[in-house]
Amino acid sequence: MCATDQAHQWILCPQCDLTVKLPAVPVGSRARCPRCHTTLTANWHEPRKRPTGYACAALFMLVLANLFPFINMHVAGLSSQISLLEIPQVMDREDYRSLATLFMLFVQGIPAFCMITIILLVNRVRMPHSLRLGLARILFQLRSWGMAEIFMAGVLVSFVKLMAYGDIGLGSSFWPWCLFCVLQLRAFQCVDRRWVWQRIDPLPPLPIVPMAGISGLKQGLRSCPCCTAILSSAQGECPRCGVVAPARRKHSLQWTLALLVTSVMLYIPSNIMPIMVTETLGSQYPSNIMAGVILLWSDGSWPVALVIFVASIMVPTLKMLAIAWLCWHASGRGQRDDEKMHLIYEVVEFVGRWSMIDVFVIAILSALVRMGRLMSVYPAPGALLFAMVVILTMFAAMTFDPRLIWDRLRETERKEPRLDGQPSRDC
């Protein structure tokens, strides 16, 4: 067994499984994988104070954003205003509790929970060890599901749509919400996974002396997907965080393809069925996603039409094609262009959740446009189907194991890794 104090010098890249011996990372810099350029660890300035300050400020802004009106609208002498908490209440009254639940979870619940968890973990607040482990295990899994900034983009798109009907005003809580979006992103950015886990428990001893530049699987090693500890590939449970995981995700391609096929089956009706119903002077006008894009384009709002077309039609379609292509490549049938396929995977993982913009636009419009028989907007079944498509494609990207892309590299392609160039100093 290797000494425990040597374990912190080694890491297996979570994206390509390359064994890397970490150099001394200067303060304010980060170490990246020399093969796939994934960030492995970062040495932040004041790693406790900075995330604590950002998280506390974000929570304070969130409270302010929920206390006052968010936006208001004036049409033909009639006025309407909403707060953030009224948006899910309106959807609940319209029997769309599922959309109301998704809004509360993704826009407010998960970001607020993550900020509280960051404060508790980086400051080592007194709590049971099992609770600390549980919070650390959940924190980084929830990072992709916080969508406060996506909702903010949906608000801006809604403004352009509503300007065609009346005057739009900003409420007192609009700017606190903008600050909350920025601060919660910054708080997450300042938290390094390895640093957090090192404060909870030390790394377990290395089972063997690793060889740099070789896949961990070829050496009989695996990386814990939760705390990044290096373990034997035959060891099922991580002794530090307790997560049970194999060297590669079991049935990764099967799960990914199953979720992909399900999302395709829902994607077709979600684009055909109406996602929103506009009632004007007693007449109802249902519209689907493409009809909304065409209407905006014909009204001269082509930048917004382009944003919705890209986010709601092009991105989901290309994402599903990209996931299918990744599965084809990882199964051994594609060409050996691993760097390109890894880039595609990173793009898919990043842009997938931004398709929720259209769902949030519907939530804002249905809550704000309540002018009786003059004008009202209601969500339609297509909105829920489209939200499920986005969620399923996100799960499909999560179940796909990116290390399968790199497992096909020949052993003759080994090389001693180094950090290319100067470490980035954006910490």
Protein backbone atom coordinates (compact mmCIF):
# COMPACT_ATOMS: atom_id res chain seq x y z
CA MET A 1 0.00 0.00 0.00
CA CYS A 2 1.16 3.52 -0.75
CA ALA A 3 1.27 6.11 1.97
CA THR A 4 -1.84 8.16 2.39
CA ASP A 5 0.10 11.41 2.04
CA GLN A 6 0.95 10.46 -1.59
CA ALA A 7 -2.68 10.02 -2.58
CA HIS A 8 -3.30 13.75 -3.01
CA GLN A 9 -0.65 13.88 -5.76
CA TRP A 10 -2.62 11.61 -8.08
CA ILE A 11 -5.98 11.85 -9.81
CA LEU A 12 -7.87 10.00 -12.51
CA CYS A 13 -9.55 12.36 -14.94
CA PRO A 14 -13.32 11.90 -14.49
CA GLN A 15 -13.91 12.46 -18.21
CA CYS A 16 -11.19 10.41 -19.93
CA ASP A 17 -9.75 8.25 -17.08
CA LEU A 18 -6.17 9.41 -17.70
CA THR A 19 -3.86 8.99 -14.70
CA VAL A 20 -2.35 12.37 -13.87
CA LYS A 21 0.25 13.26 -11.27
CA LEU A 22 -0.77 16.68 -10.03
CA PRO A 23 1.92 19.36 -9.77
CA ALA A 24 1.93 22.02 -7.08
CA VAL A 25 -0.97 24.23 -8.20
CA PRO A 26 -0.26 27.90 -7.40
CA VAL A 27 -2.90 29.90 -5.59
CA GLY A 28 -5.33 31.34 -8.09
CA SER A 29 -4.67 28.62 -10.68
CA ARG A 30 -6.27 25.38 -11.76
CA ALA A 31 -4.94 22.10 -13.13
CA ARG A 32 -6.40 20.66 -16.31
CA CYS A 33 -6.22 17.21 -17.85
CA PRO A 34 -3.52 17.23 -20.58
CA ARG A 35 -5.65 14.97 -22.81
CA CYS A 36 -9.25 16.24 -22.62
CA HIS A 37 -8.57 19.58 -20.83
CA THR A 38 -11.12 18.93 -18.09
CA THR A 39 -10.48 20.93 -14.92
CA LEU A 40 -9.12 18.48 -12.34
CA THR A 41 -8.66 20.76 -9.33
CA ALA A 42 -8.39 24.44 -8.48
CA ASN A 43 -6.53 26.34 -5.78
CA TRP A 44 -8.76 29.30 -5.00
CA HIS A 45 -7.88 32.44 -3.10
CA GLU A 46 -9.55 32.22 0.34
CA PRO A 47 -11.45 28.98 -0.46
CA ARG A 48 -13.63 29.38 2.63
CA LYS A 49 -14.42 33.09 2.71
CA ARG A 50 -15.17 33.65 -0.98
CA PRO A 51 -17.85 30.97 -1.50
CA THR A 52 -19.34 31.79 1.91
CA GLY A 53 -19.62 35.47 1.02
CA TYR A 54 -21.11 34.79 -2.41
CA ALA A 55 -23.57 32.21 -1.05
CA CYS A 56 -24.74 34.43 1.82
CA ALA A 57 -25.20 37.39 -0.52
CA ALA A 58 -27.08 35.17 -3.00
CA LEU A 59 -29.49 33.96 -0.30
CA PHE A 60 -30.11 37.54 0.84
CA MET A 61 -30.88 38.60 -2.74
CA LEU A 62 -33.20 35.61 -3.13
CA VAL A 63 -35.20 36.68 -0.07
CA LEU A 64 -35.49 40.24 -1.42
CA ALA A 65 -36.52 38.95 -4.85
CA ASN A 66 -39.45 37.06 -3.32
CA LEU A 67 -40.74 39.91 -1.14
CA PHE A 68 -41.68 42.46 -3.79
CA PRO A 69 -43.36 42.57 -7.23
CA PHE A 70 -41.21 41.19 -10.02
CA ILE A 71 -42.69 42.67 -13.21
CA ASN A 72 -45.88 44.52 -14.15
CA MET A 73 -47.88 45.13 -17.31
CA HIS A 74 -50.34 47.86 -18.43
CA VAL A 75 -52.77 47.21 -21.29
CA ALA A 76 -55.70 49.48 -22.26
CA GLY A 77 -56.03 50.94 -18.77
CA LEU A 78 -55.76 47.54 -17.07
CA SER A 79 -52.79 46.60 -14.89
CA SER A 80 -51.31 43.31 -13.80
CA GLN A 81 -48.26 42.53 -11.70
CA ILE A 82 -46.70 39.35 -10.34
CA SER A 83 -44.14 38.31 -7.80
CA LEU A 84 -41.92 35.26 -8.18
CA LEU A 85 -44.01 33.27 -5.73
CA GLU A 86 -47.20 33.99 -7.68
CA ILE A 87 -45.92 32.26 -10.84
CA PRO A 88 -46.25 28.69 -9.48
CA GLN A 89 -49.50 29.64 -7.73
CA VAL A 90 -51.10 30.60 -11.05
CA MET A 91 -49.97 27.37 -12.69
CA ASP A 92 -51.35 25.42 -9.74
CA ARG A 93 -54.75 27.10 -10.11
CA GLU A 94 -54.76 26.14 -13.80
CA ASP A 95 -54.22 22.46 -12.83
CA TYR A 96 -50.60 22.46 -14.00
CA ARG A 97 -49.10 21.48 -10.67
CA SER A 98 -46.35 19.54 -12.39
CA LEU A 99 -45.05 22.70 -14.10
CA ALA A 100 -45.41 24.63 -10.84
CA THR A 101 -43.34 21.96 -9.07
CA LEU A 102 -40.64 22.06 -11.75
CA PHE A 103 -40.50 25.85 -11.48
CA MET A 104 -40.12 25.82 -7.69
CA LEU A 105 -37.48 23.08 -7.81
CA PHE A 106 -35.29 24.27 -10.67
CA VAL A 107 -35.58 28.05 -10.26
CA GLN A 108 -35.66 28.53 -6.49
CA GLY A 109 -35.47 25.31 -4.48
CA ILE A 110 -32.31 23.70 -5.83
CA PRO A 111 -30.24 26.94 -6.10
CA ALA A 112 -31.22 27.94 -2.53
CA PHE A 113 -30.44 24.45 -1.19
CA CYS A 114 -27.03 24.49 -2.90
CA MET A 115 -26.15 27.88 -1.41
CA ILE A 116 -27.05 26.68 2.11
CA THR A 117 -25.08 23.47 1.56
CA ILE A 118 -22.00 25.39 0.41
CA ILE A 119 -22.10 27.53 3.55
CA LEU A 120 -22.41 24.46 5.78
CA LEU A 121 -19.63 22.46 4.09
CA VAL A 122 -16.91 25.05 3.52
CA ASN A 123 -17.21 26.35 7.10
CA ARG A 124 -17.38 22.90 8.73
CA VAL A 125 -20.50 23.70 10.71
CA ARG A 126 -21.12 21.19 13.49
CA MET A 127 -23.34 18.39 12.21
CA PRO A 128 -23.40 14.58 12.20
CA HIS A 129 -20.74 13.08 9.97
CA SER A 130 -23.34 11.12 8.01
CA LEU A 131 -25.24 14.33 7.25
CA ARG A 132 -22.04 16.02 6.10
CA LEU A 133 -21.32 13.10 3.76
CA GLY A 134 -24.86 13.20 2.41
CA LEU A 135 -24.75 16.94 1.70
CA ALA A 136 -21.39 16.65 -0.06
CA ARG A 137 -22.65 13.77 -2.18
CA ILE A 138 -25.75 15.70 -3.23
CA LEU A 139 -24.20 19.13 -3.79
CA PHE A 140 -22.26 18.49 -6.99
CA GLN A 141 -25.01 16.28 -8.42
CA LEU A 142 -27.51 19.13 -8.19
CA ARG A 143 -25.31 21.70 -9.87
CA SER A 144 -26.73 21.05 -13.36
CA TRP A 145 -30.33 21.24 -12.13
CA GLY A 146 -30.27 24.81 -10.85
CA MET A 147 -31.80 26.97 -13.58
CA ALA A 148 -32.06 30.45 -12.09
CA GLU A 149 -30.02 32.01 -14.91
CA ILE A 150 -32.09 30.18 -17.54
CA PHE A 151 -35.25 31.58 -16.00
CA MET A 152 -33.66 35.04 -16.21
CA ALA A 153 -33.11 34.52 -19.94
CA GLY A 154 -36.76 33.47 -20.22
CA VAL A 155 -37.78 36.72 -18.50
CA LEU A 156 -35.91 38.76 -21.09
CA VAL A 157 -37.54 36.83 -23.92
CA SER A 158 -40.94 37.41 -22.30
CA PHE A 159 -40.33 41.16 -22.22
CA VAL A 160 -39.96 41.26 -25.99
CA LYS A 161 -43.16 39.24 -26.46
CA LEU A 162 -45.15 41.41 -24.05
CA MET A 163 -44.00 44.73 -25.49
CA ALA A 164 -46.24 44.08 -28.48
CA TYR A 165 -49.33 44.12 -26.23
CA GLY A 166 -48.65 46.83 -23.66
CA ASP A 167 -46.20 48.61 -21.38
CA ILE A 168 -43.86 46.45 -19.29
CA GLY A 169 -42.38 47.67 -16.02
CA LEU A 170 -39.73 46.24 -13.72
CA GLY A 171 -40.68 45.55 -10.13
CA SER A 172 -38.57 46.09 -7.03
CA SER A 173 -37.43 42.46 -6.98
CA PHE A 174 -36.12 42.33 -10.56
CA TRP A 175 -32.61 43.59 -9.79
CA PRO A 176 -32.18 41.47 -6.62
CA TRP A 177 -33.04 38.45 -8.77
CA CYS A 178 -30.40 39.43 -11.35
CA LEU A 179 -27.83 39.69 -8.57
CA PHE A 180 -28.94 36.33 -7.16
CA CYS A 181 -28.34 34.67 -10.54
CA VAL A 182 -24.80 36.04 -10.75
CA LEU A 183 -23.88 35.41 -7.11
CA GLN A 184 -25.08 31.80 -6.98
CA LEU A 185 -23.09 31.00 -10.13
CA ARG A 186 -20.01 32.61 -8.63
CA ALA A 187 -20.45 30.75 -5.33
CA PHE A 188 -20.51 27.42 -7.14
CA GLN A 189 -17.51 28.36 -9.24
CA CYS A 190 -15.40 29.08 -6.14
CA VAL A 191 -15.94 25.62 -4.61
CA ASP A 192 -13.44 22.90 -5.50
CA ARG A 193 -14.68 19.34 -5.10
CA ARG A 194 -11.34 17.89 -3.93
CA TRP A 195 -10.86 20.68 -1.38
CA VAL A 196 -14.34 20.12 0.08
CA TRP A 197 -13.85 16.38 0.43
CA GLN A 198 -10.38 16.79 1.90
CA ARG A 199 -11.95 18.80 4.73
CA ILE A 200 -14.46 16.01 5.36
CA ASP A 201 -12.14 12.98 5.25
CA PRO A 202 -8.58 12.35 4.04
CA LEU A 203 -8.02 10.41 0.84
CA PRO A 204 -7.71 6.64 1.26
CA PRO A 205 -4.29 5.05 0.54
CA LEU A 206 -3.50 4.22 -3.07
CA PRO A 207 -3.84 0.49 -3.82
CA ILE A 208 -0.76 0.56 -6.11
CA VAL A 209 1.77 3.06 -7.37
CA PRO A 210 0.02 4.61 -10.40
CA MET A 211 1.70 5.17 -13.76
CA ALA A 212 1.09 8.61 -15.25
CA GLY A 213 -0.25 8.86 -18.78
CA ILE A 214 -2.13 5.54 -18.75
CA SER A 215 -5.81 4.88 -18.33
CA GLY A 216 -6.73 3.97 -14.77
CA LEU A 217 -8.72 0.98 -15.97
CA LYS A 218 -5.60 -0.52 -17.61
CA GLN A 219 -3.86 -0.37 -14.23
CA GLY A 220 -6.75 -1.90 -12.31
CA LEU A 221 -7.77 1.48 -10.85
CA ARG A 222 -10.99 3.46 -10.84
CA SER A 223 -11.99 6.92 -9.70
CA CYS A 224 -14.79 7.48 -7.23
CA PRO A 225 -17.38 9.55 -9.16
CA CYS A 226 -18.29 11.44 -5.99
CA CYS A 227 -15.09 12.32 -4.12
CA THR A 228 -12.42 11.57 -6.83
CA ALA A 229 -10.57 9.06 -4.61
CA ILE A 230 -8.47 6.50 -6.52
CA LEU A 231 -9.56 2.95 -5.71
CA SER A 232 -8.98 -0.55 -6.99
CA SER A 233 -11.29 -1.38 -9.89
CA ALA A 234 -12.43 -4.45 -7.94
CA GLN A 235 -13.42 -2.34 -4.91
CA GLY A 236 -17.12 -1.56 -5.07
CA GLU A 237 -17.63 0.90 -2.21
CA CYS A 238 -15.58 4.02 -1.65
CA PRO A 239 -14.24 4.04 1.95
CA ARG A 240 -14.36 7.83 2.11
CA CYS A 241 -17.81 8.81 0.77
CA GLY A 242 -19.56 5.43 0.77
CA VAL A 243 -20.65 5.63 -2.89
CA VAL A 244 -20.91 2.24 -4.58
CA ALA A 245 -19.88 2.39 -8.23
CA PRO A 246 -18.19 0.11 -10.78
CA ALA A 247 -15.15 1.09 -12.85
CA ARG A 248 -17.55 2.02 -15.66
CA ARG A 249 -21.23 2.82 -15.34
CA LYS A 250 -23.20 -0.38 -15.77
CA HIS A 251 -25.25 -0.53 -18.96
CA SER A 252 -24.38 3.10 -19.67
CA LEU A 253 -25.17 2.91 -23.40
CA GLN A 254 -28.39 0.96 -22.83
CA TRP A 255 -29.69 3.47 -20.29
CA THR A 256 -28.69 6.39 -22.49
CA LEU A 257 -30.39 4.95 -25.56
CA ALA A 258 -33.55 4.08 -23.60
CA LEU A 259 -33.84 7.64 -22.30
CA LEU A 260 -33.04 9.00 -25.76
CA VAL A 261 -35.76 6.94 -27.46
CA THR A 262 -38.28 8.03 -24.81
CA SER A 263 -37.38 11.68 -25.30
CA VAL A 264 -37.77 11.34 -29.10
CA MET A 265 -41.22 9.80 -28.60
CA LEU A 266 -42.24 12.79 -26.46
CA TYR A 267 -40.50 15.38 -28.64
CA ILE A 268 -42.75 14.80 -31.65
CA PRO A 269 -46.08 15.45 -29.85
CA SER A 270 -44.54 18.30 -27.83
CA ASN A 271 -43.90 20.16 -31.10
CA ILE A 272 -47.30 19.34 -32.57
CA MET A 273 -49.51 19.95 -29.53
CA PRO A 274 -50.08 23.54 -28.33
CA ILE A 275 -47.82 24.71 -25.53
CA MET A 276 -49.75 27.91 -24.86
CA VAL A 277 -53.30 29.22 -25.33
CA THR A 278 -53.93 32.94 -25.76
CA GLU A 279 -57.48 34.13 -25.07
CA THR A 280 -58.43 37.51 -26.58
CA LEU A 281 -61.95 38.95 -26.41
CA GLY A 282 -63.39 35.52 -25.72
CA SER A 283 -61.59 33.76 -28.57
CA GLN A 284 -58.87 31.21 -27.87
CA TYR A 285 -55.75 30.88 -30.03
CA PRO A 286 -53.60 27.81 -29.27
CA SER A 287 -50.02 27.88 -30.51
CA ASN A 288 -47.13 25.44 -30.58
CA ILE A 289 -43.42 26.22 -30.48
CA MET A 290 -42.94 26.69 -34.21
CA ALA A 291 -46.07 28.85 -34.50
CA GLY A 292 -44.70 31.12 -31.79
CA VAL A 293 -41.38 31.45 -33.63
CA ILE A 294 -43.17 32.33 -36.89
CA LEU A 295 -45.37 34.89 -35.12
CA LEU A 296 -42.40 36.61 -33.52
CA TRP A 297 -40.52 36.65 -36.81
CA SER A 298 -43.50 38.15 -38.67
CA ASP A 299 -43.86 40.83 -35.95
CA GLY A 300 -40.29 41.92 -36.51
CA SER A 301 -38.87 40.37 -33.31
CA TRP A 302 -36.49 38.18 -35.26
CA PRO A 303 -33.72 38.14 -32.60
CA VAL A 304 -36.12 36.66 -30.04
CA ALA A 305 -37.59 34.32 -32.66
CA LEU A 306 -34.07 33.15 -33.42
CA VAL A 307 -33.30 32.58 -29.71
CA ILE A 308 -36.44 30.50 -29.19
CA PHE A 309 -35.87 28.57 -32.43
CA VAL A 310 -32.31 27.72 -31.43
CA ALA A 311 -33.10 26.91 -27.78
CA SER A 312 -36.41 25.09 -28.25
CA ILE A 313 -36.12 23.41 -31.65
CA MET A 314 -32.55 23.30 -32.89
CA VAL A 315 -30.81 22.52 -29.56
CA PRO A 316 -33.08 19.59 -28.52
CA THR A 317 -32.90 18.09 -32.02
CA LEU A 318 -29.13 18.42 -32.31
CA LYS A 319 -28.69 17.21 -28.73
CA MET A 320 -30.61 14.01 -29.42
CA LEU A 321 -28.62 13.42 -32.61
CA ALA A 322 -25.37 14.11 -30.75
CA ILE A 323 -26.22 11.67 -27.95
CA ALA A 324 -27.04 8.98 -30.53
CA TRP A 325 -23.72 9.71 -32.26
CA LEU A 326 -21.84 9.46 -28.95
CA CYS A 327 -23.43 6.06 -28.25
CA TRP A 328 -22.51 4.89 -31.75
CA HIS A 329 -18.90 5.99 -31.27
CA ALA A 330 -18.57 4.57 -27.75
CA SER A 331 -19.89 1.19 -28.92
CA GLY A 332 -16.82 0.87 -31.19
CA ARG A 333 -18.44 1.57 -34.55
CA GLY A 334 -17.32 5.15 -35.10
CA GLN A 335 -13.96 6.52 -36.21
CA ARG A 336 -11.15 7.10 -33.71
CA ASP A 337 -11.66 10.83 -33.26
CA ASP A 338 -11.90 10.89 -29.48
CA GLU A 339 -11.10 14.58 -28.99
CA LYS A 340 -13.93 15.65 -31.31
CA MET A 341 -16.38 13.28 -29.63
CA HIS A 342 -15.38 14.55 -26.19
CA LEU A 343 -15.96 18.13 -27.34
CA ILE A 344 -19.42 17.11 -28.57
CA TYR A 345 -20.13 15.54 -25.18
CA GLU A 346 -19.14 18.71 -23.34
CA VAL A 347 -21.36 20.83 -25.59
CA VAL A 348 -24.29 18.45 -25.09
CA GLU A 349 -23.84 18.52 -21.32
CA PHE A 350 -23.70 22.33 -21.24
CA VAL A 351 -26.48 23.43 -23.61
CA GLY A 352 -29.12 20.80 -22.82
CA ARG A 353 -30.83 22.56 -19.92
CA TRP A 354 -31.08 25.87 -21.81
CA SER A 355 -34.00 24.43 -23.77
CA MET A 356 -36.11 25.12 -20.67
CA ILE A 357 -36.27 28.79 -21.72
CA ASP A 358 -39.55 28.25 -23.57
CA VAL A 359 -41.13 26.57 -20.54
CA PHE A 360 -40.17 29.49 -18.32
CA VAL A 361 -41.49 31.97 -20.89
CA ILE A 362 -44.87 30.24 -20.74
CA ALA A 363 -44.80 30.34 -16.94
CA ILE A 364 -44.17 34.10 -16.94
CA LEU A 365 -46.78 34.88 -19.59
CA SER A 366 -49.48 32.73 -17.98
CA ALA A 367 -48.88 34.38 -14.59
CA LEU A 368 -48.67 37.99 -15.81
CA VAL A 369 -51.18 38.17 -18.66
CA ARG A 370 -54.41 37.97 -16.66
CA MET A 371 -56.69 40.64 -18.11
CA GLY A 372 -59.97 38.73 -18.00
CA ARG A 373 -61.71 38.45 -21.37
CA LEU A 374 -59.51 41.18 -22.83
CA MET A 375 -56.41 39.00 -22.82
CA SER A 376 -55.23 35.96 -20.88
CA VAL A 377 -52.55 33.34 -21.45
CA TYR A 378 -52.74 29.73 -20.26
CA PRO A 379 -50.26 26.87 -20.42
CA ALA A 380 -51.16 23.88 -22.59
CA PRO A 381 -50.24 20.16 -22.43
CA GLY A 382 -47.39 20.58 -24.92
CA ALA A 383 -45.45 22.64 -22.36
CA LEU A 384 -45.30 19.74 -19.92
CA LEU A 385 -44.29 17.31 -22.68
CA PHE A 386 -41.52 19.64 -23.79
CA ALA A 387 -40.26 20.02 -20.21
CA MET A 388 -40.13 16.23 -19.94
CA VAL A 389 -38.11 16.07 -23.18
CA VAL A 390 -35.53 18.47 -21.74
CA ILE A 391 -35.33 16.53 -18.46
CA LEU A 392 -35.00 13.16 -20.19
CA THR A 393 -32.23 14.38 -22.48
CA MET A 394 -30.41 15.76 -19.43
CA PHE A 395 -30.68 12.35 -17.77
CA ALA A 396 -29.48 10.71 -21.00
CA ALA A 397 -26.35 12.89 -20.98
CA MET A 398 -25.79 12.08 -17.29
CA THR A 399 -26.07 8.31 -17.75
CA PHE A 400 -23.62 8.35 -20.65
CA ASP A 401 -20.10 7.51 -19.44
CA PRO A 402 -17.65 9.78 -21.33
CA ARG A 403 -14.75 7.50 -20.41
CA LEU A 404 -16.11 4.98 -22.92
CA ILE A 405 -15.06 7.40 -25.66
CA TRP A 406 -11.42 7.18 -24.59
CA ASP A 407 -11.31 3.46 -23.74
CA ARG A 408 -10.63 2.73 -27.42
CA LEU A 409 -7.24 4.50 -27.43
CA ARG A 410 -4.35 2.19 -28.16
CA GLU A 411 -1.84 1.55 -25.45
CA THR A 412 0.92 2.79 -27.75
CA GLU A 413 -0.54 6.28 -27.47
CA ARG A 414 0.72 6.67 -23.88
CA LYS A 415 2.68 9.74 -23.00
CA GLU A 416 3.75 11.42 -19.82
CA PRO A 417 1.18 14.19 -19.20
CA ARG A 418 2.11 17.74 -18.37
CA LEU A 419 0.07 20.83 -17.76
CA ASP A 420 0.13 22.53 -21.14
CA GLY A 421 1.20 26.17 -20.98
CA GLN A 422 0.70 28.35 -17.96
CA PRO A 423 -2.03 27.54 -15.43
CA SER A 424 -5.05 29.73 -15.89
CA ARG A 425 -5.27 32.38 -13.18
CA ASP A 426 -9.01 33.00 -13.03
CA CYS A 427 -9.47 31.63 -9.52
